[in-house]
Amino acid sequence: MIHEVTGDILLTEAEAIAHGIAPNDHFDSGLALSLREQRPALYKDFRHYLHTNHPKTGGLWVWGGSGGKRIINLFTQEPAPNEHAKPGQATYANLNHCLHELQKLVVAEGIKSLALPRLATGVGGLAWDQVWPVLQSDLGSLKIPIFIYSHYQKGVKAVEEGT
């Protein structure tokens, strides 16, 4: 049950938001920056996670902060070559691995609804017309409402049917 919507993903009623990042991301652009600004504990916890776990591309890290909203960080992008450099591009292989991990997480954790941006197409650099069919293929069998925020409008609450 995938629905394309227009609005501000940060206003979603979905139980979880999933977005793409690099394993050593600085959360300094796009949705990651907005999340860092609105949920500073997310970034602090992420930095701690990096130092204790050394995540790899194709995986994910889940953060559950106040208010019950879970943020699922998908490692779609290649890591930066050093701590001061920008993250690398996303790859379709990483995207595919992340979506499989996301699907398993949704089932295992009983997540009831999910919101995603145009995954891996901003800083990640992938083409939306190629990402969209992968999303449909990998997440389309889930029996929950999935909202793809394909058109961003700051401060506008999307119409999310089924949440």
N, C-alpha and C. Protein backbone atom coordinates (compact mmCIF):
# COMPACT_ATOMS: atom_id res chain seq x y z
N MET A 1 0.82 -1.17 0.00
CA MET A 1 0.00 0.00 0.00
C MET A 1 0.87 1.25 0.00
N ILE A 2 1.51 1.49 -1.14
CA ILE A 2 2.39 2.64 -1.27
C ILE A 2 1.60 3.81 -1.85
N HIS A 3 1.72 4.96 -1.18
CA HIS A 3 1.02 6.17 -1.61
C HIS A 3 2.04 7.28 -1.80
N GLU A 4 2.00 7.94 -2.94
CA GLU A 4 2.82 9.14 -3.13
C GLU A 4 2.04 10.32 -2.58
N VAL A 5 2.73 11.16 -1.79
CA VAL A 5 2.09 12.32 -1.19
C VAL A 5 2.97 13.55 -1.37
N THR A 6 2.35 14.70 -1.17
CA THR A 6 3.04 15.98 -1.21
C THR A 6 2.92 16.63 0.16
N GLY A 7 4.03 17.13 0.68
CA GLY A 7 4.00 17.80 1.97
C GLY A 7 5.34 17.73 2.65
N ASP A 8 5.32 17.95 3.95
CA ASP A 8 6.52 17.98 4.79
C ASP A 8 6.59 16.68 5.58
N ILE A 9 7.56 15.85 5.26
CA ILE A 9 7.69 14.53 5.89
C ILE A 9 7.83 14.64 7.41
N LEU A 10 8.35 15.75 7.90
CA LEU A 10 8.51 15.91 9.35
C LEU A 10 7.17 16.07 10.06
N LEU A 11 6.10 16.26 9.31
CA LEU A 11 4.76 16.38 9.89
C LEU A 11 3.96 15.09 9.74
N THR A 12 4.60 14.03 9.30
CA THR A 12 3.91 12.77 9.05
C THR A 12 3.29 12.19 10.32
N GLU A 13 2.19 11.48 10.15
CA GLU A 13 1.56 10.72 11.23
C GLU A 13 2.09 9.29 11.24
N ALA A 14 2.92 8.92 10.28
CA ALA A 14 3.46 7.56 10.22
C ALA A 14 4.27 7.26 11.48
N GLU A 15 4.30 6.01 11.84
CA GLU A 15 5.03 5.56 13.03
C GLU A 15 6.53 5.72 12.87
N ALA A 16 7.03 5.61 11.65
CA ALA A 16 8.47 5.69 11.42
C ALA A 16 8.75 6.47 10.14
N ILE A 17 9.90 7.14 10.16
CA ILE A 17 10.44 7.82 8.98
C ILE A 17 11.74 7.12 8.63
N ALA A 18 11.89 6.74 7.37
CA ALA A 18 13.14 6.15 6.90
C ALA A 18 13.77 7.10 5.89
N HIS A 19 15.09 7.25 5.97
CA HIS A 19 15.78 8.12 5.02
C HIS A 19 17.19 7.58 4.80
N GLY A 20 17.81 8.01 3.71
CA GLY A 20 19.13 7.52 3.35
C GLY A 20 20.24 8.44 3.84
N ILE A 21 21.31 7.82 4.33
CA ILE A 21 22.50 8.54 4.78
C ILE A 21 23.73 7.70 4.47
N ALA A 22 24.89 8.22 4.80
CA ALA A 22 26.14 7.46 4.72
C ALA A 22 26.50 6.94 6.11
N PRO A 23 27.29 5.88 6.20
CA PRO A 23 27.66 5.36 7.51
C PRO A 23 28.36 6.35 8.42
N ASN A 24 28.99 7.37 7.88
CA ASN A 24 29.66 8.37 8.73
C ASN A 24 29.12 9.77 8.44
N ASP A 25 27.84 9.85 8.17
CA ASP A 25 27.18 11.09 7.77
C ASP A 25 27.28 12.17 8.84
N HIS A 26 27.33 13.43 8.40
CA HIS A 26 27.37 14.57 9.31
C HIS A 26 25.99 15.20 9.51
N PHE A 27 24.97 14.67 8.82
CA PHE A 27 23.61 15.20 8.93
C PHE A 27 23.62 16.71 8.67
N ASP A 28 24.28 17.12 7.58
CA ASP A 28 24.42 18.55 7.32
C ASP A 28 23.72 19.02 6.05
N SER A 29 22.82 18.20 5.49
CA SER A 29 22.06 18.64 4.33
C SER A 29 20.76 17.84 4.22
N GLY A 30 19.81 18.42 3.51
CA GLY A 30 18.55 17.74 3.22
C GLY A 30 17.75 17.35 4.45
N LEU A 31 17.07 16.24 4.36
CA LEU A 31 16.23 15.75 5.45
C LEU A 31 17.07 15.46 6.69
N ALA A 32 18.28 14.94 6.50
CA ALA A 32 19.14 14.64 7.65
C ALA A 32 19.40 15.90 8.48
N LEU A 33 19.64 17.02 7.81
CA LEU A 33 19.88 18.28 8.52
C LEU A 33 18.62 18.69 9.29
N SER A 34 17.47 18.59 8.67
CA SER A 34 16.22 18.93 9.36
C SER A 34 16.00 18.05 10.58
N LEU A 35 16.31 16.76 10.45
CA LEU A 35 16.19 15.86 11.59
C LEU A 35 17.17 16.24 12.69
N ARG A 36 18.38 16.58 12.31
CA ARG A 36 19.40 16.98 13.29
C ARG A 36 18.95 18.23 14.05
N GLU A 37 18.36 19.18 13.32
CA GLU A 37 17.91 20.42 13.95
C GLU A 37 16.71 20.20 14.88
N GLN A 38 15.79 19.33 14.47
CA GLN A 38 14.59 19.10 15.27
C GLN A 38 14.78 18.07 16.37
N ARG A 39 15.75 17.18 16.18
CA ARG A 39 15.99 16.12 17.15
C ARG A 39 17.50 16.00 17.41
N PRO A 40 18.07 16.95 18.15
CA PRO A 40 19.52 16.94 18.37
C PRO A 40 20.03 15.64 19.01
N ALA A 41 19.19 14.99 19.82
CA ALA A 41 19.62 13.73 20.45
C ALA A 41 19.85 12.64 19.41
N LEU A 42 19.13 12.69 18.31
CA LEU A 42 19.32 11.73 17.22
C LEU A 42 20.77 11.76 16.75
N TYR A 43 21.24 12.96 16.44
CA TYR A 43 22.61 13.07 15.92
C TYR A 43 23.64 12.68 16.98
N LYS A 44 23.43 13.09 18.20
CA LYS A 44 24.35 12.72 19.28
C LYS A 44 24.41 11.20 19.44
N ASP A 45 23.25 10.55 19.43
CA ASP A 45 23.21 9.09 19.55
C ASP A 45 23.84 8.42 18.33
N PHE A 46 23.64 9.02 17.16
CA PHE A 46 24.25 8.47 15.94
C PHE A 46 25.77 8.51 16.03
N ARG A 47 26.33 9.63 16.49
CA ARG A 47 27.79 9.75 16.61
C ARG A 47 28.32 8.68 17.58
N HIS A 48 27.61 8.46 18.68
CA HIS A 48 28.01 7.42 19.63
C HIS A 48 27.95 6.04 18.95
N TYR A 49 26.87 5.79 18.22
CA TYR A 49 26.71 4.53 17.50
C TYR A 49 27.88 4.30 16.53
N LEU A 50 28.28 5.35 15.81
CA LEU A 50 29.39 5.23 14.87
C LEU A 50 30.67 4.77 15.54
N HIS A 51 30.94 5.31 16.71
CA HIS A 51 32.19 5.00 17.40
C HIS A 51 32.19 3.62 18.03
N THR A 52 31.02 3.06 18.26
CA THR A 52 30.96 1.75 18.91
C THR A 52 30.64 0.61 17.95
N ASN A 53 30.11 0.91 16.76
CA ASN A 53 29.66 -0.16 15.87
C ASN A 53 30.26 -0.17 14.47
N HIS A 54 30.77 0.94 13.98
CA HIS A 54 31.37 1.01 12.63
C HIS A 54 30.46 0.40 11.56
N PRO A 55 29.31 1.04 11.30
CA PRO A 55 28.33 0.48 10.36
C PRO A 55 28.85 0.45 8.92
N LYS A 56 28.24 -0.43 8.15
CA LYS A 56 28.60 -0.61 6.74
C LYS A 56 27.42 -0.21 5.86
N THR A 57 27.72 0.11 4.61
CA THR A 57 26.66 0.43 3.65
C THR A 57 25.75 -0.79 3.48
N GLY A 58 24.50 -0.50 3.15
CA GLY A 58 23.52 -1.56 2.95
C GLY A 58 22.77 -1.94 4.22
N GLY A 59 23.19 -1.42 5.35
CA GLY A 59 22.53 -1.71 6.62
C GLY A 59 21.65 -0.56 7.06
N LEU A 60 21.23 -0.61 8.32
CA LEU A 60 20.41 0.46 8.86
C LEU A 60 20.64 0.60 10.35
N TRP A 61 20.22 1.75 10.87
CA TRP A 61 20.26 2.03 12.30
C TRP A 61 18.97 2.72 12.67
N VAL A 62 18.32 2.23 13.72
CA VAL A 62 17.02 2.75 14.14
C VAL A 62 17.20 3.58 15.41
N TRP A 63 16.58 4.76 15.39
CA TRP A 63 16.59 5.63 16.56
C TRP A 63 15.16 5.86 17.00
N GLY A 64 14.92 5.70 18.29
CA GLY A 64 13.59 5.96 18.84
C GLY A 64 13.68 7.04 19.89
N GLY A 65 13.24 8.20 19.55
CA GLY A 65 13.32 9.32 20.48
C GLY A 65 12.01 9.60 21.16
N SER A 66 11.93 10.76 21.74
CA SER A 66 10.71 11.16 22.44
C SER A 66 9.56 11.28 21.45
N GLY A 67 8.37 11.05 21.93
CA GLY A 67 7.19 11.16 21.08
C GLY A 67 6.86 9.88 20.33
N GLY A 68 7.69 8.87 20.45
CA GLY A 68 7.40 7.58 19.84
C GLY A 68 7.73 7.44 18.37
N LYS A 69 8.10 8.51 17.69
CA LYS A 69 8.44 8.44 16.27
C LYS A 69 9.81 7.78 16.12
N ARG A 70 9.90 6.77 15.30
CA ARG A 70 11.17 6.10 15.06
C ARG A 70 11.78 6.63 13.77
N ILE A 71 13.07 6.86 13.80
CA ILE A 71 13.80 7.31 12.61
C ILE A 71 14.69 6.15 12.18
N ILE A 72 14.48 5.70 10.96
CA ILE A 72 15.26 4.58 10.42
C ILE A 72 16.25 5.15 9.43
N ASN A 73 17.51 5.04 9.77
CA ASN A 73 18.60 5.57 8.96
C ASN A 73 19.14 4.45 8.08
N LEU A 74 18.95 4.60 6.79
CA LEU A 74 19.37 3.58 5.82
C LEU A 74 20.71 3.99 5.24
N PHE A 75 21.69 3.13 5.30
CA PHE A 75 23.03 3.44 4.81
C PHE A 75 23.12 3.19 3.30
N THR A 76 22.47 4.08 2.55
CA THR A 76 22.42 3.97 1.09
C THR A 76 23.64 4.56 0.41
N GLN A 77 24.32 5.49 1.08
CA GLN A 77 25.45 6.20 0.48
C GLN A 77 26.78 5.61 0.93
N GLU A 78 27.75 5.77 0.07
CA GLU A 78 29.10 5.35 0.42
C GLU A 78 29.65 6.31 1.48
N PRO A 79 30.49 5.81 2.38
CA PRO A 79 31.04 6.70 3.41
C PRO A 79 31.99 7.73 2.81
N ALA A 80 32.16 8.82 3.54
CA ALA A 80 33.15 9.83 3.15
C ALA A 80 34.54 9.24 3.32
N PRO A 81 35.49 9.66 2.49
CA PRO A 81 36.85 9.11 2.59
C PRO A 81 37.56 9.49 3.89
N ASN A 82 37.14 10.61 4.50
CA ASN A 82 37.69 11.00 5.80
C ASN A 82 36.62 11.79 6.54
N GLU A 83 36.86 12.10 7.80
CA GLU A 83 35.82 12.71 8.63
C GLU A 83 35.44 14.13 8.22
N HIS A 84 36.24 14.77 7.38
CA HIS A 84 35.95 16.15 6.97
C HIS A 84 35.33 16.23 5.57
N ALA A 85 35.29 15.12 4.87
CA ALA A 85 34.79 15.11 3.49
C ALA A 85 33.27 14.84 3.46
N LYS A 86 32.68 15.17 2.33
CA LYS A 86 31.26 14.87 2.11
C LYS A 86 31.09 13.38 1.86
N PRO A 87 29.92 12.82 2.23
CA PRO A 87 29.66 11.41 1.94
C PRO A 87 29.66 11.15 0.44
N GLY A 88 29.88 9.91 0.08
CA GLY A 88 29.83 9.50 -1.32
C GLY A 88 28.40 9.36 -1.81
N GLN A 89 28.27 8.96 -3.05
CA GLN A 89 26.97 8.76 -3.67
C GLN A 89 26.32 7.48 -3.17
N ALA A 90 25.01 7.41 -3.31
CA ALA A 90 24.28 6.17 -3.07
C ALA A 90 24.52 5.24 -4.25
N THR A 91 24.30 3.97 -4.03
CA THR A 91 24.37 3.00 -5.13
C THR A 91 23.07 2.19 -5.12
N TYR A 92 22.73 1.64 -6.27
CA TYR A 92 21.53 0.82 -6.35
C TYR A 92 21.69 -0.45 -5.54
N ALA A 93 22.90 -0.99 -5.46
CA ALA A 93 23.14 -2.17 -4.63
C ALA A 93 22.90 -1.85 -3.15
N ASN A 94 23.43 -0.72 -2.69
CA ASN A 94 23.20 -0.32 -1.29
C ASN A 94 21.72 -0.09 -1.04
N LEU A 95 21.06 0.60 -1.96
CA LEU A 95 19.63 0.86 -1.83
C LEU A 95 18.85 -0.44 -1.69
N ASN A 96 19.15 -1.39 -2.55
CA ASN A 96 18.46 -2.68 -2.53
C ASN A 96 18.68 -3.41 -1.21
N HIS A 97 19.92 -3.44 -0.73
CA HIS A 97 20.22 -4.09 0.55
C HIS A 97 19.46 -3.39 1.69
N CYS A 98 19.47 -2.05 1.68
CA CYS A 98 18.77 -1.29 2.73
C CYS A 98 17.28 -1.57 2.73
N LEU A 99 16.69 -1.62 1.55
CA LEU A 99 15.24 -1.86 1.48
C LEU A 99 14.88 -3.26 1.95
N HIS A 100 15.74 -4.23 1.68
CA HIS A 100 15.50 -5.59 2.20
C HIS A 100 15.58 -5.60 3.72
N GLU A 101 16.57 -4.89 4.27
CA GLU A 101 16.69 -4.78 5.73
C GLU A 101 15.50 -4.04 6.32
N LEU A 102 15.04 -3.00 5.63
CA LEU A 102 13.89 -2.24 6.09
C LEU A 102 12.64 -3.12 6.11
N GLN A 103 12.46 -3.89 5.07
CA GLN A 103 11.30 -4.78 5.00
C GLN A 103 11.32 -5.77 6.16
N LYS A 104 12.47 -6.35 6.44
CA LYS A 104 12.59 -7.29 7.56
C LYS A 104 12.29 -6.60 8.89
N LEU A 105 12.79 -5.38 9.06
CA LEU A 105 12.56 -4.63 10.29
C LEU A 105 11.09 -4.33 10.49
N VAL A 106 10.42 -3.88 9.45
CA VAL A 106 8.99 -3.56 9.54
C VAL A 106 8.21 -4.78 10.00
N VAL A 107 8.50 -5.92 9.44
CA VAL A 107 7.80 -7.16 9.80
C VAL A 107 8.15 -7.57 11.24
N ALA A 108 9.44 -7.61 11.55
CA ALA A 108 9.89 -8.07 12.87
C ALA A 108 9.41 -7.17 14.01
N GLU A 109 9.40 -5.86 13.77
CA GLU A 109 9.05 -4.91 14.82
C GLU A 109 7.56 -4.54 14.81
N GLY A 110 6.84 -5.00 13.82
CA GLY A 110 5.41 -4.69 13.74
C GLY A 110 5.13 -3.22 13.49
N ILE A 111 5.99 -2.57 12.71
CA ILE A 111 5.77 -1.16 12.38
C ILE A 111 4.49 -1.05 11.56
N LYS A 112 3.64 -0.11 11.95
CA LYS A 112 2.30 -0.01 11.36
C LYS A 112 2.18 0.97 10.20
N SER A 113 3.11 1.90 10.07
CA SER A 113 3.09 2.84 8.95
C SER A 113 4.49 3.45 8.81
N LEU A 114 4.80 3.87 7.59
CA LEU A 114 6.16 4.28 7.26
C LEU A 114 6.11 5.45 6.28
N ALA A 115 7.00 6.42 6.48
CA ALA A 115 7.14 7.55 5.55
C ALA A 115 8.58 7.60 5.06
N LEU A 116 8.75 7.86 3.77
CA LEU A 116 10.07 7.99 3.18
C LEU A 116 10.09 9.18 2.22
N PRO A 117 11.24 9.83 2.08
CA PRO A 117 11.38 10.85 1.03
C PRO A 117 11.69 10.14 -0.30
N ARG A 118 12.04 10.91 -1.30
CA ARG A 118 12.55 10.33 -2.55
C ARG A 118 13.93 9.77 -2.22
N LEU A 119 13.94 8.58 -1.71
CA LEU A 119 15.11 7.94 -1.13
C LEU A 119 16.30 7.90 -2.09
N ALA A 120 17.45 8.36 -1.59
CA ALA A 120 18.74 8.28 -2.28
C ALA A 120 18.84 9.13 -3.54
N THR A 121 17.91 10.07 -3.72
CA THR A 121 17.92 10.87 -4.95
C THR A 121 18.45 12.28 -4.75
N GLY A 122 18.51 12.76 -3.52
CA GLY A 122 19.04 14.10 -3.26
C GLY A 122 20.56 14.04 -3.26
N VAL A 123 21.13 14.10 -2.08
CA VAL A 123 22.58 14.00 -1.91
C VAL A 123 23.08 12.67 -2.46
N GLY A 124 22.24 11.64 -2.36
CA GLY A 124 22.63 10.30 -2.85
C GLY A 124 22.87 10.23 -4.34
N GLY A 125 22.17 11.07 -5.12
CA GLY A 125 22.44 11.18 -6.54
C GLY A 125 21.79 10.16 -7.46
N LEU A 126 20.92 9.30 -6.95
CA LEU A 126 20.28 8.32 -7.83
C LEU A 126 19.09 8.94 -8.55
N ALA A 127 18.68 8.32 -9.64
CA ALA A 127 17.57 8.82 -10.46
C ALA A 127 16.24 8.29 -9.92
N TRP A 128 15.30 9.20 -9.64
CA TRP A 128 14.01 8.82 -9.09
C TRP A 128 13.27 7.83 -9.97
N ASP A 129 13.36 7.99 -11.29
CA ASP A 129 12.65 7.06 -12.18
C ASP A 129 13.20 5.65 -12.10
N GLN A 130 14.39 5.48 -11.55
CA GLN A 130 14.95 4.14 -11.33
C GLN A 130 14.76 3.67 -9.89
N VAL A 131 14.68 4.61 -8.95
CA VAL A 131 14.49 4.26 -7.54
C VAL A 131 13.04 3.84 -7.28
N TRP A 132 12.09 4.55 -7.88
CA TRP A 132 10.67 4.29 -7.65
C TRP A 132 10.29 2.83 -7.89
N PRO A 133 10.68 2.20 -9.00
CA PRO A 133 10.31 0.79 -9.18
C PRO A 133 10.97 -0.14 -8.15
N VAL A 134 12.16 0.21 -7.69
CA VAL A 134 12.83 -0.60 -6.66
C VAL A 134 12.04 -0.52 -5.35
N LEU A 135 11.61 0.70 -4.99
CA LEU A 135 10.77 0.86 -3.79
C LEU A 135 9.50 0.04 -3.90
N GLN A 136 8.84 0.12 -5.04
CA GLN A 136 7.60 -0.63 -5.23
C GLN A 136 7.84 -2.12 -5.13
N SER A 137 8.93 -2.59 -5.72
CA SER A 137 9.24 -4.02 -5.71
C SER A 137 9.60 -4.51 -4.31
N ASP A 138 10.44 -3.74 -3.61
CA ASP A 138 10.94 -4.21 -2.31
C ASP A 138 9.98 -3.96 -1.16
N LEU A 139 9.15 -2.93 -1.23
CA LEU A 139 8.26 -2.61 -0.11
C LEU A 139 6.78 -2.82 -0.43
N GLY A 140 6.46 -3.05 -1.68
CA GLY A 140 5.06 -3.15 -2.10
C GLY A 140 4.30 -4.30 -1.47
N SER A 141 4.98 -5.33 -1.02
CA SER A 141 4.29 -6.48 -0.43
C SER A 141 3.94 -6.26 1.04
N LEU A 142 4.48 -5.20 1.65
CA LEU A 142 4.16 -4.91 3.04
C LEU A 142 2.70 -4.50 3.16
N LYS A 143 2.04 -4.96 4.17
CA LYS A 143 0.60 -4.71 4.35
C LYS A 143 0.36 -3.52 5.28
N ILE A 144 1.16 -2.48 5.12
CA ILE A 144 1.02 -1.27 5.92
C ILE A 144 0.98 -0.07 4.98
N PRO A 145 0.46 1.06 5.44
CA PRO A 145 0.54 2.27 4.62
C PRO A 145 1.99 2.77 4.57
N ILE A 146 2.46 3.01 3.37
CA ILE A 146 3.80 3.57 3.15
C ILE A 146 3.60 4.84 2.34
N PHE A 147 4.10 5.94 2.89
CA PHE A 147 3.94 7.24 2.26
C PHE A 147 5.26 7.71 1.71
N ILE A 148 5.30 7.88 0.40
CA ILE A 148 6.49 8.39 -0.27
C ILE A 148 6.27 9.88 -0.50
N TYR A 149 7.05 10.68 0.18
CA TYR A 149 6.96 12.13 0.02
C TYR A 149 7.74 12.52 -1.23
N SER A 150 7.04 12.42 -2.36
CA SER A 150 7.72 12.65 -3.64
C SER A 150 7.81 14.13 -3.98
N HIS A 151 7.01 14.95 -3.34
CA HIS A 151 7.07 16.40 -3.56
C HIS A 151 7.06 17.09 -2.20
N TYR A 152 8.15 17.77 -1.88
CA TYR A 152 8.31 18.42 -0.59
C TYR A 152 7.66 19.80 -0.58
N GLN A 153 6.88 20.06 0.45
CA GLN A 153 6.33 21.39 0.70
C GLN A 153 6.47 21.67 2.19
N LYS A 154 7.42 22.53 2.52
CA LYS A 154 7.73 22.85 3.91
C LYS A 154 6.49 23.33 4.65
N GLY A 155 6.26 22.74 5.83
CA GLY A 155 5.17 23.15 6.69
C GLY A 155 3.79 22.68 6.29
N VAL A 156 3.69 21.89 5.22
CA VAL A 156 2.39 21.41 4.74
C VAL A 156 2.21 19.95 5.14
N LYS A 157 1.15 19.67 5.87
CA LYS A 157 0.83 18.32 6.29
C LYS A 157 0.17 17.58 5.12
N ALA A 158 0.76 16.47 4.75
CA ALA A 158 0.22 15.66 3.65
C ALA A 158 -1.04 14.93 4.08
N VAL A 159 -1.86 14.60 3.11
CA VAL A 159 -3.02 13.76 3.35
C VAL A 159 -2.53 12.31 3.32
N GLU A 160 -2.54 11.66 4.49
CA GLU A 160 -2.06 10.29 4.61
C GLU A 160 -3.23 9.39 4.96
N GLU A 161 -3.73 8.68 3.98
CA GLU A 161 -4.85 7.79 4.21
C GLU A 161 -4.36 6.49 4.79
N GLY A 162 -4.99 6.05 5.88
CA GLY A 162 -4.65 4.77 6.47
C GLY A 162 -3.78 4.83 7.71
N THR A 163 -3.37 6.04 8.15
CA THR A 163 -2.56 6.12 9.38
C THR A 163 -3.46 6.22 10.58
